[in-house]
C-alpha atoms as a PDB file:
ATOM      1  CA  MET A   1       9.056   4.806  12.997  1.00  0.00           C
ATOM      2  CA  TYR A   2       7.895   1.297  14.025  1.00  0.00           C
ATOM      3  CA  ALA A   3      11.604   0.351  15.158  1.00  0.00           C
ATOM      4  CA  ASP A   4      11.558   3.735  17.410  1.00  0.00           C
ATOM      5  CA  ARG A   5       8.373   2.975  18.865  1.00  0.00           C
ATOM      6  CA  LEU A   6       9.429  -0.450  19.688  1.00  0.00           C
ATOM      7  CA  PHE A   7      12.778   0.896  21.006  1.00  0.00           C
ATOM      8  CA  ILE A   8      14.692  -1.445  18.696  1.00  0.00           C
ATOM      9  CA  SER A   9      16.975  -0.649  15.626  1.00  0.00           C
ATOM     10  CA  ARG A  10      15.717  -0.525  12.427  1.00  0.00           C
ATOM     11  CA  LYS A  11      17.975  -3.370  11.329  1.00  0.00           C
ATOM     12  CA  HIS A  12      16.895  -5.450  14.188  1.00  0.00           C
ATOM     13  CA  LEU A  13      13.205  -5.058  13.249  1.00  0.00           C
ATOM     14  CA  THR A  14      13.929  -5.724   9.657  1.00  0.00           C
ATOM     15  CA  ARG A  15      15.808  -9.010  10.731  1.00  0.00           C
ATOM     16  CA  ILE A  16      13.023 -10.129  13.101  1.00  0.00           C
ATOM     17  CA  VAL A  17      10.228  -9.379  10.356  1.00  0.00           C
ATOM     18  CA  LYS A  18      11.949 -11.095   7.764  1.00  0.00           C
ATOM     19  CA  ASP A  19      12.687 -14.144   9.928  1.00  0.00           C
ATOM     20  CA  VAL A  20       9.102 -14.550  10.894  1.00  0.00           C
ATOM     21  CA  THR A  21       7.198 -13.715   7.881  1.00  0.00           C
ATOM     22  CA  GLY A  22       9.690 -14.259   4.953  1.00  0.00           C
ATOM     23  CA  LEU A  23       8.953 -10.740   3.762  1.00  0.00           C
ATOM     24  CA  GLY A  24      10.601  -7.519   4.376  1.00  0.00           C
ATOM     25  CA  PRO A  25       8.793  -4.611   6.315  1.00  0.00           C
ATOM     26  CA  LYS A  26       8.336  -2.454   3.065  1.00  0.00           C
ATOM     27  CA  SER A  27       6.708  -5.457   1.147  1.00  0.00           C
ATOM     28  CA  ILE A  28       4.502  -6.043   4.088  1.00  0.00           C
ATOM     29  CA  LEU A  29       3.552  -2.342   4.123  1.00  0.00           C
ATOM     30  CA  GLU A  30       3.150  -2.431   0.176  1.00  0.00           C
ATOM     31  CA  GLU A  31       0.781  -5.258   0.402  1.00  0.00           C
ATOM     32  CA  ILE A  32      -1.271  -3.475   3.114  1.00  0.00           C
ATOM     33  CA  ALA A  33      -1.567  -0.486   1.108  1.00  0.00           C
ATOM     34  CA  ILE A  34      -2.448  -2.119  -2.220  1.00  0.00           C
ATOM     35  CA  SER A  35      -5.218  -4.343  -0.306  1.00  0.00           C
ATOM     36  CA  GLU A  36      -6.762  -1.179   1.299  1.00  0.00           C
ATOM     37  CA  ALA A  37      -6.644   0.561  -2.050  1.00  0.00           C
ATOM     38  CA  VAL A  38      -8.637  -2.439  -3.648  1.00  0.00           C
ATOM     39  CA  ILE A  39     -11.055  -2.526  -0.734  1.00  0.00           C
ATOM     40  CA  LEU A  40     -11.586   1.271  -0.720  1.00  0.00           C
ATOM     41  CA  MET A  41     -12.198   1.063  -4.442  1.00  0.00           C
ATOM     42  CA  ASN A  42     -14.569  -1.887  -4.355  1.00  0.00           C
ATOM     43  CA  VAL A  43     -16.714  -1.100  -1.585  1.00  0.00           C
ATOM     44  CA  SER A  44     -16.982   2.413  -1.150  1.00  0.00           C
ATOM     45  CA  SER A  45     -17.909   5.535  -3.393  1.00  0.00           C
ATOM     46  CA  LEU A  46     -14.806   7.269  -2.702  1.00  0.00           C
ATOM     47  CA  SER A  47     -13.025   8.481  -5.873  1.00  0.00           C
ATOM     48  CA  VAL A  48      -9.751   7.278  -7.071  1.00  0.00           C
ATOM     49  CA  LYS A  49      -8.185  10.656  -5.808  1.00  0.00           C
ATOM     50  CA  ASP A  50      -9.946  10.229  -2.367  1.00  0.00           C
ATOM     51  CA  VAL A  51      -8.581   6.832  -2.191  1.00  0.00           C
ATOM     52  CA  MET A  52      -5.074   7.903  -2.952  1.00  0.00           C
ATOM     53  CA  GLN A  53      -5.420  10.719  -0.233  1.00  0.00           C
ATOM     54  CA  GLU A  54      -6.846   8.091   2.357  1.00  0.00           C
ATOM     55  CA  LEU A  55      -3.564   6.036   1.680  1.00  0.00           C
ATOM     56  CA  ASN A  56      -1.350   9.111   2.213  1.00  0.00           C
ATOM     57  CA  PHE A  57       0.008   9.304  -1.424  1.00  0.00           C
ATOM     58  CA  SER A  58       1.230  12.798  -2.208  1.00  0.00           C
ATOM     59  CA  ASP A  59       0.291  12.756  -5.883  1.00  0.00           C
ATOM     60  CA  TYR A  60      -1.791  10.695  -8.393  1.00  0.00           C
ATOM     61  CA  GLY A  61       1.165   9.817 -10.615  1.00  0.00           C
ATOM     62  CA  THR A  62       3.053   8.136  -7.574  1.00  0.00           C
ATOM     63  CA  PHE A  63      -0.330   6.221  -6.540  1.00  0.00           C
ATOM     64  CA  SER A  64      -0.955   5.235 -10.237  1.00  0.00           C
ATOM     65  CA  LYS A  65       2.672   3.891 -10.549  1.00  0.00           C
ATOM     66  CA  PHE A  66       2.501   2.005  -7.298  1.00  0.00           C
ATOM     67  CA  PHE A  67      -1.064   0.748  -8.128  1.00  0.00           C
ATOM     68  CA  LYS A  68      -0.022  -0.374 -11.581  1.00  0.00           C
ATOM     69  CA  LEU A  69       3.231  -2.099 -10.289  1.00  0.00           C
ATOM     70  CA  HIS A  70       1.006  -4.285  -7.905  1.00  0.00           C
ATOM     71  CA  LEU A  71      -2.087  -4.867 -10.143  1.00  0.00           C
ATOM     72  CA  GLY A  72      -0.852  -4.563 -13.805  1.00  0.00           C
ATOM     73  CA  GLN A  73      -3.257  -1.665 -14.475  1.00  0.00           C
ATOM     74  CA  SER A  74      -3.820   1.963 -13.598  1.00  0.00           C
ATOM     75  CA  PRO A  75      -6.499   2.843 -10.689  1.00  0.00           C
ATOM     76  CA  MET A  76      -8.881   4.120 -13.094  1.00  0.00           C
ATOM     77  CA  THR A  77      -8.822   1.273 -15.307  1.00  0.00           C
ATOM     78  CA  TYR A  78      -9.328  -1.223 -12.331  1.00  0.00           C
ATOM     79  CA  ARG A  79     -12.081   1.181 -11.036  1.00  0.00           C
ATOM     80  CA  ASN A  80     -13.785   1.272 -14.475  1.00  0.00           C
ATOM     81  CA  GLN A  81     -13.693  -2.695 -14.664  1.00  0.00           C
ATOM     82  CA  SER A  82     -14.797  -3.378 -11.232  1.00  0.00           C
ATOM     83  CA  LEU A  83     -18.126  -1.254 -11.882  1.00  0.00           C
END
């Protein structure tokens, strides 16, 4: 989507992003998503399900797996510890 909007190929965008940041686009987008999840869970009264939907995850299992991969604990565990 981003490459299309910039009128360049995906491969070219990936190479540019990686050259500039040292990270691939997927890694950057994952970092943004996990940062947003943490912020929403810490500063809002949104439920974990609402956070999941806000970040466009289609189901809780996928969101939970993604969250646990990046933070080492489930979203519910994280939420309960941060309260």
